[in-house]
Amino acid sequence: MLNDGLPQIQIALIPVFMKEFQLSLLKVGFLISIPLICGTVMLLFAGFIADRMNHINQMVIALSLLALFSVVTGFTRDVALLAVCLTFIQIGNNLFHPAGFSISSKLMKPEHRTTALGFFNAGGTMGFAFGPFSLAILLGLWTWRAVYFFWALLLVANVAYLLALKFARAWSPTTGAVEEQSVRPSVRSVLTLPFITLISIIGVEWLGRHMVLTYLTSFLVFEKSYAVQTASIFLGLVSVAGIVGGPLGGFLADKFGVIRWFMLCITGIAACTYLIVLSPAVPPLIAVALIFGFFAAGEMASGSSLVSRYTSIQRVGLGYAFYFLAINSVSAVAPLIGALIAQDYGFSSILYVAPLFMFFGLSVTWSVLKKRYEHVRRPEDGSTSQ
């Protein structure tokens, strides 16, 4: 949870960074994109070691990195150093994910895997909500730098808790006995056609989604005239709904079909994006933010389940690395694209353009995954394609 909450703070602080460091929209785009690009480079390494290293130990290293650079961020007075700190925070976050998802996917049977991953995603969603909410509460009491110190303490406590768990040193990176290196599937075995198609769809959909999430607070502050604290609350509400949307969405996906639910969630996210622009007052905006968050969490639960479905269990860590590689790659580009659009046409124009990427991903899902690969399973799950 905490690893996902910390990067959300920098998104909510965009208006503050612009004022304090005298940044243009394009410079803000680079400030958000550079950490994402560097974090993306880290992902393949994180997935590679997740298939070989004790998963809990990998998460401890990731959280320690986040705690260290939270402290450094609180002391920075230079925008270059700020960019470095945000970069290492993103690297730590990306180091965490392949290990965490690997544990969740290996512990559950195939028929309950999406539900389990939905609960795991709900933890991340709680972090997404807690980050902006903590900022909204603490920014009225302290400076934004003190908020980072507060988060460093939370992360240190989380590291101590993980180290105290007895299974921290007993968890094996694979279920059952550790297989010999000779029987481990090759890296190429991950790159099947359904898997590559899925990753491409997720990348396109997330390009639109991240444009929305990156500039939502800026849209609310500069075009709707909300305070930074209020805009942070709306960003947090998107994540609050995901606390329910992750587990419930995972359950519904297991019940009615993972690909069907995946498609419905993409449609819901796109529709809610348009409604954000059209919402005339606070109550409907709250409702739209909650619905957006519900579908966003449901998409992550079903998408991460499909990654596990199309990947051999011995390479599931690498599979999730590619999954987050797709998300982070487009998320690194999305702020720059959004900044260029907003620079000429305003922040609201971002919310009109972003759903087009989502609808494109939806059309590919229907024409390829739904029609051709709906019944594909990994060999360990005991099913074959039809």
Protein backbone atom coordinates (compact mmCIF):
# COMPACT_ATOMS: atom_id res chain seq x y z
CA MET A 1 0.00 0.00 0.00
CA LEU A 2 2.62 2.55 1.07
CA ASN A 3 4.81 2.00 -1.97
CA ASP A 4 1.93 3.11 -4.24
CA GLY A 5 0.87 6.03 -2.06
CA LEU A 6 4.14 7.93 -2.10
CA PRO A 7 4.37 8.49 -5.90
CA GLN A 8 0.80 9.84 -5.86
CA ILE A 9 1.87 12.73 -3.65
CA GLN A 10 4.07 14.22 -6.36
CA ILE A 11 1.10 14.17 -8.77
CA ALA A 12 -1.06 16.08 -6.31
CA LEU A 13 1.81 18.52 -5.67
CA ILE A 14 2.18 19.58 -9.32
CA PRO A 15 0.53 23.00 -8.72
CA VAL A 16 2.78 23.53 -5.67
CA PHE A 17 5.94 22.58 -7.57
CA MET A 18 4.98 24.94 -10.41
CA LYS A 19 4.72 27.88 -7.99
CA GLU A 20 7.67 27.12 -5.71
CA PHE A 21 10.19 26.21 -8.41
CA GLN A 22 8.76 28.50 -11.12
CA LEU A 23 8.19 25.63 -13.55
CA SER A 24 6.47 25.78 -16.93
CA LEU A 25 4.04 23.07 -17.98
CA LEU A 26 6.68 21.46 -20.16
CA LYS A 27 9.20 21.37 -17.28
CA VAL A 28 6.56 19.82 -15.04
CA GLY A 29 5.99 17.20 -17.71
CA PHE A 30 9.70 16.34 -17.64
CA LEU A 31 9.72 16.33 -13.82
CA ILE A 32 7.01 13.66 -13.82
CA SER A 33 8.26 11.77 -16.88
CA ILE A 34 11.96 11.40 -15.97
CA PRO A 35 11.28 9.32 -12.82
CA LEU A 36 8.85 7.14 -14.75
CA ILE A 37 11.37 6.54 -17.54
CA CYS A 38 14.11 5.57 -15.09
CA GLY A 39 11.70 3.41 -13.12
CA THR A 40 10.72 1.66 -16.32
CA VAL A 41 14.34 0.69 -16.98
CA MET A 42 14.38 -0.87 -13.51
CA LEU A 43 11.34 -3.04 -14.16
CA LEU A 44 12.93 -5.79 -16.25
CA PHE A 45 15.69 -6.20 -13.66
CA ALA A 46 13.04 -6.30 -10.91
CA GLY A 47 11.11 -9.02 -12.75
CA PHE A 48 14.26 -10.99 -13.47
CA ILE A 49 15.29 -11.14 -9.82
CA ALA A 50 11.69 -11.73 -8.67
CA ASP A 51 11.90 -15.20 -10.27
CA ARG A 52 15.10 -15.94 -8.32
CA MET A 53 15.12 -13.91 -5.12
CA ASN A 54 13.14 -14.22 -1.89
CA HIS A 55 10.10 -12.05 -2.66
CA ILE A 56 9.80 -10.59 0.84
CA ASN A 57 13.45 -9.55 0.86
CA GLN A 58 12.97 -7.81 -2.49
CA MET A 59 10.02 -5.86 -1.08
CA VAL A 60 12.07 -4.86 1.98
CA ILE A 61 14.80 -3.44 -0.26
CA ALA A 62 12.20 -1.53 -2.29
CA LEU A 63 10.51 0.01 0.76
CA SER A 64 13.87 0.96 2.27
CA LEU A 65 14.75 2.83 -0.90
CA LEU A 66 11.44 4.69 -0.75
CA ALA A 67 11.98 5.66 2.89
CA LEU A 68 15.52 6.94 2.28
CA PHE A 69 14.60 9.20 -0.62
CA SER A 70 11.46 10.44 1.10
CA VAL A 71 13.76 11.96 3.71
CA VAL A 72 16.07 13.44 1.06
CA THR A 73 13.07 14.90 -0.80
CA GLY A 74 12.03 16.72 2.36
CA PHE A 75 15.37 18.54 2.47
CA THR A 76 15.74 19.40 -1.22
CA ARG A 77 15.77 23.04 -2.35
CA ASP A 78 16.81 22.41 -5.95
CA VAL A 79 14.60 21.17 -8.78
CA ALA A 80 17.38 18.92 -10.15
CA LEU A 81 17.77 17.19 -6.79
CA LEU A 82 13.99 16.95 -6.54
CA ALA A 83 13.96 15.13 -9.90
CA VAL A 84 16.64 12.72 -8.64
CA CYS A 85 14.67 11.97 -5.46
CA LEU A 86 11.41 11.41 -7.33
CA THR A 87 13.32 9.11 -9.69
CA PHE A 88 14.59 6.87 -6.90
CA ILE A 89 11.15 6.82 -5.32
CA GLN A 90 9.76 5.52 -8.61
CA ILE A 91 12.58 2.97 -8.90
CA GLY A 92 11.77 1.67 -5.41
CA ASN A 93 8.09 1.43 -6.28
CA ASN A 94 8.83 -0.56 -9.44
CA LEU A 95 11.19 -2.88 -7.58
CA PHE A 96 8.32 -3.78 -5.25
CA HIS A 97 5.62 -4.72 -7.77
CA PRO A 98 6.90 -7.89 -9.53
CA ALA A 99 7.65 -9.56 -6.19
CA GLY A 100 4.30 -8.62 -4.66
CA PHE A 101 2.25 -9.75 -7.64
CA SER A 102 4.25 -12.98 -7.92
CA ILE A 103 3.37 -13.94 -4.36
CA SER A 104 -0.31 -13.18 -4.87
CA SER A 105 -0.62 -15.11 -8.14
CA LYS A 106 1.23 -18.18 -6.86
CA LEU A 107 -0.71 -18.58 -3.62
CA MET A 108 -4.16 -18.95 -5.21
CA LYS A 109 -5.83 -21.52 -7.44
CA PRO A 110 -6.66 -20.37 -11.00
CA GLU A 111 -10.40 -20.09 -10.33
CA HIS A 112 -9.78 -17.64 -7.48
CA ARG A 113 -6.70 -15.87 -8.83
CA THR A 114 -8.44 -12.72 -10.11
CA THR A 115 -10.21 -12.26 -6.78
CA ALA A 116 -6.89 -12.64 -4.93
CA LEU A 117 -5.18 -10.17 -7.23
CA GLY A 118 -8.14 -7.85 -6.75
CA PHE A 119 -7.49 -7.85 -3.00
CA PHE A 120 -3.78 -7.25 -3.63
CA ASN A 121 -4.62 -4.37 -5.95
CA ALA A 122 -6.97 -3.01 -3.30
CA GLY A 123 -3.95 -2.59 -1.04
CA GLY A 124 -2.24 -0.54 -3.72
CA THR A 125 -5.44 1.39 -4.26
CA MET A 126 -5.58 2.23 -0.57
CA GLY A 127 -2.10 3.69 -1.03
CA PHE A 128 -3.27 5.70 -4.03
CA ALA A 129 -6.01 7.14 -1.82
CA PHE A 130 -3.92 7.56 1.31
CA GLY A 131 -1.24 9.57 -0.51
CA PRO A 132 -3.48 12.45 -1.68
CA PHE A 133 -5.64 12.31 1.46
CA SER A 134 -2.62 12.56 3.75
CA LEU A 135 -1.43 15.52 1.69
CA ALA A 136 -4.85 17.21 1.91
CA ILE A 137 -4.86 16.82 5.70
CA LEU A 138 -1.21 17.53 6.50
CA LEU A 139 -0.67 20.36 4.02
CA GLY A 140 -2.94 22.53 6.15
CA LEU A 141 -0.77 21.81 9.20
CA TRP A 142 2.73 21.43 7.78
CA THR A 143 4.71 22.22 4.65
CA TRP A 144 4.80 19.70 1.78
CA ARG A 145 8.34 18.75 2.84
CA ALA A 146 7.10 17.59 6.24
CA VAL A 147 4.62 15.31 4.50
CA TYR A 148 7.55 13.41 2.99
CA PHE A 149 9.13 13.03 6.45
CA PHE A 150 5.83 11.61 7.72
CA TRP A 151 5.79 9.06 4.92
CA ALA A 152 9.38 8.07 5.61
CA LEU A 153 8.36 7.08 9.15
CA LEU A 154 5.47 4.98 7.83
CA LEU A 155 7.77 3.20 5.40
CA VAL A 156 10.37 2.44 8.07
CA ALA A 157 7.62 0.93 10.24
CA ASN A 158 6.48 -1.20 7.29
CA VAL A 159 10.03 -2.45 6.68
CA ALA A 160 10.34 -3.40 10.35
CA TYR A 161 7.06 -5.32 10.15
CA LEU A 162 8.15 -7.30 7.09
CA LEU A 163 11.49 -8.16 8.68
CA ALA A 164 9.67 -9.43 11.77
CA LEU A 165 7.62 -11.96 9.81
CA LYS A 166 8.90 -15.48 10.19
CA PHE A 167 8.31 -16.34 6.55
CA ALA A 168 10.46 -13.44 5.32
CA ARG A 169 13.40 -15.81 5.02
CA ALA A 170 11.47 -18.99 4.29
CA TRP A 171 9.48 -17.97 1.20
CA SER A 172 10.72 -19.65 -1.96
CA PRO A 173 10.47 -17.75 -5.24
CA THR A 174 8.52 -20.65 -6.73
CA THR A 175 5.72 -22.85 -5.44
CA GLY A 176 6.98 -26.25 -4.36
CA ALA A 177 10.54 -27.32 -4.83
CA VAL A 178 12.90 -25.05 -6.64
CA GLU A 179 13.30 -26.39 -10.16
CA GLU A 180 16.60 -26.86 -11.90
CA GLN A 181 17.73 -24.03 -14.15
CA SER A 182 17.58 -26.36 -17.17
CA VAL A 183 13.81 -26.77 -16.90
CA ARG A 184 13.11 -23.09 -16.38
CA PRO A 185 11.30 -21.73 -19.48
CA SER A 186 13.28 -19.26 -21.55
CA VAL A 187 12.62 -15.54 -21.52
CA ARG A 188 11.26 -15.91 -25.04
CA SER A 189 8.53 -18.21 -23.73
CA VAL A 190 6.88 -15.19 -22.08
CA LEU A 191 6.51 -13.35 -25.37
CA THR A 192 3.56 -15.27 -26.81
CA LEU A 193 1.09 -13.59 -29.16
CA PRO A 194 -1.77 -13.30 -26.61
CA PHE A 195 0.64 -11.93 -24.00
CA ILE A 196 2.14 -9.35 -26.38
CA THR A 197 -1.38 -8.34 -27.48
CA LEU A 198 -2.49 -7.93 -23.86
CA ILE A 199 0.55 -5.85 -22.95
CA SER A 200 -0.01 -3.61 -25.99
CA ILE A 201 -3.66 -3.07 -25.04
CA ILE A 202 -2.75 -2.22 -21.46
CA GLY A 203 -0.09 0.21 -22.68
CA VAL A 204 -2.50 2.09 -24.95
CA GLU A 205 -5.26 2.20 -22.33
CA TRP A 206 -2.85 3.41 -19.65
CA LEU A 207 -1.55 6.15 -21.92
CA GLY A 208 -4.98 7.73 -21.81
CA ARG A 209 -5.59 6.92 -18.15
CA HIS A 210 -2.30 8.37 -16.94
CA MET A 211 -2.89 11.59 -18.85
CA VAL A 212 -6.12 11.94 -16.88
CA LEU A 213 -4.66 11.07 -13.48
CA THR A 214 -1.55 13.23 -13.95
CA TYR A 215 -3.46 16.42 -14.72
CA LEU A 216 -6.71 15.86 -12.82
CA THR A 217 -5.64 18.04 -9.89
CA SER A 218 -4.26 20.69 -12.26
CA PHE A 219 -7.56 20.71 -14.20
CA LEU A 220 -9.53 21.12 -10.98
CA VAL A 221 -7.23 23.86 -9.63
CA PHE A 222 -6.68 25.94 -12.77
CA GLU A 223 -9.95 25.45 -14.66
CA LYS A 224 -12.46 24.61 -11.92
CA SER A 225 -10.85 26.93 -9.30
CA TYR A 226 -10.66 24.34 -6.51
CA ALA A 227 -8.01 24.58 -3.79
CA VAL A 228 -5.05 22.19 -3.98
CA GLN A 229 -6.29 20.38 -0.86
CA THR A 230 -9.76 19.91 -2.37
CA ALA A 231 -8.34 18.70 -5.69
CA SER A 232 -6.17 16.22 -3.79
CA ILE A 233 -9.28 14.84 -2.13
CA PHE A 234 -10.88 14.18 -5.53
CA LEU A 235 -7.73 12.37 -6.66
CA GLY A 236 -7.92 10.34 -3.46
CA LEU A 237 -11.57 9.49 -4.08
CA VAL A 238 -10.60 7.81 -7.35
CA SER A 239 -8.49 5.45 -5.28
CA VAL A 240 -10.97 5.02 -2.42
CA ALA A 241 -13.46 3.40 -4.78
CA GLY A 242 -10.73 1.00 -5.85
CA ILE A 243 -10.60 -0.45 -2.34
CA VAL A 244 -13.97 -1.98 -3.17
CA GLY A 245 -13.47 -2.13 -6.94
CA GLY A 246 -10.37 -4.34 -6.72
CA PRO A 247 -11.78 -7.28 -4.72
CA LEU A 248 -15.34 -6.96 -6.05
CA GLY A 249 -14.09 -6.51 -9.61
CA GLY A 250 -11.86 -9.56 -9.24
CA PHE A 251 -14.80 -11.60 -7.94
CA LEU A 252 -17.05 -10.49 -10.81
CA ALA A 253 -14.29 -11.27 -13.32
CA ASP A 254 -13.89 -14.80 -11.93
CA LYS A 255 -17.67 -15.21 -12.03
CA PHE A 256 -18.59 -13.79 -15.44
CA GLY A 257 -15.34 -13.85 -17.44
CA VAL A 258 -12.05 -12.01 -17.04
CA ILE A 259 -11.93 -10.58 -20.56
CA ARG A 260 -15.57 -9.43 -20.44
CA TRP A 261 -14.94 -7.58 -17.19
CA PHE A 262 -11.68 -6.17 -18.55
CA MET A 263 -13.59 -4.67 -21.50
CA LEU A 264 -16.39 -3.29 -19.34
CA CYS A 265 -13.89 -1.57 -17.06
CA ILE A 266 -12.10 0.15 -19.95
CA THR A 267 -15.46 1.40 -21.24
CA GLY A 268 -16.37 2.72 -17.77
CA ILE A 269 -13.07 4.56 -17.35
CA ALA A 270 -13.45 6.29 -20.72
CA ALA A 271 -17.04 7.32 -20.04
CA CYS A 272 -16.19 8.71 -16.59
CA THR A 273 -13.35 10.77 -18.06
CA TYR A 274 -15.81 12.69 -20.22
CA LEU A 275 -18.18 13.07 -17.27
CA ILE A 276 -15.43 14.68 -15.16
CA VAL A 277 -15.32 17.60 -17.61
CA LEU A 278 -19.10 17.88 -17.76
CA SER A 279 -19.78 17.65 -14.00
CA PRO A 280 -21.12 21.08 -12.97
CA ALA A 281 -20.79 20.80 -9.18
CA VAL A 282 -19.10 18.92 -6.35
CA PRO A 283 -21.69 16.12 -5.72
CA PRO A 284 -21.73 14.74 -9.31
CA LEU A 285 -17.94 15.09 -9.50
CA ILE A 286 -17.61 13.01 -6.34
CA ALA A 287 -19.86 10.33 -7.85
CA VAL A 288 -17.93 10.28 -11.12
CA ALA A 289 -14.57 10.08 -9.30
CA LEU A 290 -15.79 7.09 -7.29
CA ILE A 291 -17.13 5.27 -10.37
CA PHE A 292 -13.89 6.01 -12.25
CA GLY A 293 -11.89 4.51 -9.38
CA PHE A 294 -14.10 1.43 -9.21
CA PHE A 295 -13.59 0.61 -12.89
CA ALA A 296 -9.88 1.51 -12.78
CA ALA A 297 -9.28 -0.99 -9.96
CA GLY A 298 -11.38 -3.61 -11.74
CA GLU A 299 -9.29 -3.21 -14.88
CA MET A 300 -6.07 -3.74 -12.93
CA ALA A 301 -7.44 -6.87 -11.23
CA SER A 302 -8.55 -8.43 -14.52
CA GLY A 303 -5.48 -7.24 -16.46
CA SER A 304 -3.03 -8.63 -13.90
CA SER A 305 -4.99 -11.90 -13.87
CA LEU A 306 -4.66 -12.18 -17.65
CA VAL A 307 -0.90 -11.68 -17.30
CA SER A 308 -0.79 -14.68 -14.97
CA ARG A 309 -3.01 -16.67 -17.36
CA TYR A 310 -0.73 -16.12 -20.35
CA THR A 311 2.59 -16.65 -18.48
CA SER A 312 4.30 -19.81 -17.22
CA ILE A 313 4.46 -19.94 -13.42
CA GLN A 314 8.29 -20.14 -13.53
CA ARG A 315 8.37 -16.83 -15.41
CA VAL A 316 5.44 -15.03 -13.78
CA GLY A 317 7.75 -12.47 -12.17
CA LEU A 318 9.15 -11.54 -15.56
CA GLY A 319 5.61 -11.49 -16.95
CA TYR A 320 4.58 -8.91 -14.38
CA ALA A 321 7.74 -6.97 -15.11
CA PHE A 322 6.64 -6.66 -18.74
CA TYR A 323 3.15 -5.73 -17.52
CA PHE A 324 4.46 -2.82 -15.47
CA LEU A 325 7.00 -2.02 -18.17
CA ALA A 326 4.08 -1.31 -20.51
CA ILE A 327 2.30 0.79 -17.90
CA ASN A 328 5.37 2.78 -16.91
CA SER A 329 6.62 3.29 -20.46
CA VAL A 330 3.43 5.01 -21.56
CA SER A 331 3.06 6.71 -18.18
CA ALA A 332 6.46 8.32 -18.78
CA VAL A 333 5.28 9.72 -22.10
CA ALA A 334 1.75 10.65 -21.00
CA PRO A 335 2.71 13.74 -18.91
CA LEU A 336 4.66 15.19 -21.83
CA ILE A 337 1.82 14.59 -24.28
CA GLY A 338 -0.63 16.04 -21.79
CA ALA A 339 1.57 19.09 -21.20
CA LEU A 340 1.79 19.80 -24.92
CA ILE A 341 -1.99 19.51 -25.28
CA ALA A 342 -2.72 21.68 -22.23
CA GLN A 343 -0.18 24.28 -23.29
CA ASP A 344 -2.18 25.08 -26.43
CA TYR A 345 -5.72 23.99 -25.61
CA GLY A 346 -6.09 23.89 -21.80
CA PHE A 347 -6.30 21.07 -19.27
CA SER A 348 -9.87 20.12 -20.21
CA SER A 349 -8.69 19.15 -23.70
CA ILE A 350 -6.60 16.38 -22.13
CA LEU A 351 -9.78 14.82 -20.77
CA TYR A 352 -11.35 14.88 -24.23
CA VAL A 353 -8.37 13.27 -25.97
CA ALA A 354 -7.45 10.60 -23.37
CA PRO A 355 -10.53 8.36 -23.85
CA LEU A 356 -9.68 7.93 -27.53
CA PHE A 357 -6.69 5.80 -26.51
CA MET A 358 -8.93 3.75 -24.22
CA PHE A 359 -11.48 3.09 -26.95
CA PHE A 360 -8.69 1.95 -29.28
CA GLY A 361 -7.48 -0.54 -26.65
CA LEU A 362 -11.07 -1.71 -26.20
CA SER A 363 -11.46 -2.41 -29.91
CA VAL A 364 -8.26 -4.51 -30.00
CA THR A 365 -9.39 -6.44 -26.91
CA TRP A 366 -12.65 -7.31 -28.62
CA SER A 367 -11.18 -8.20 -31.99
CA VAL A 368 -8.17 -10.20 -30.76
CA LEU A 369 -8.31 -11.36 -27.12
CA LYS A 370 -12.06 -11.90 -26.87
CA LYS A 371 -12.49 -13.66 -30.20
CA ARG A 372 -9.27 -15.66 -30.41
CA TYR A 373 -7.66 -16.11 -26.96
CA GLU A 374 -10.46 -16.06 -24.40
CA HIS A 375 -9.89 -19.70 -23.40
CA VAL A 376 -6.07 -19.75 -23.37
CA ARG A 377 -4.57 -20.89 -20.03
CA ARG A 378 -1.01 -21.47 -18.90
CA PRO A 379 0.00 -25.17 -18.84
CA GLU A 380 0.23 -25.34 -15.03
CA ASP A 381 -3.48 -24.48 -14.78
CA GLY A 382 -4.39 -27.60 -16.70
CA SER A 383 -6.24 -25.98 -19.63
CA THR A 384 -5.52 -25.48 -23.27
CA SER A 385 -6.64 -23.03 -25.86
CA GLN A 386 -9.78 -23.62 -27.83
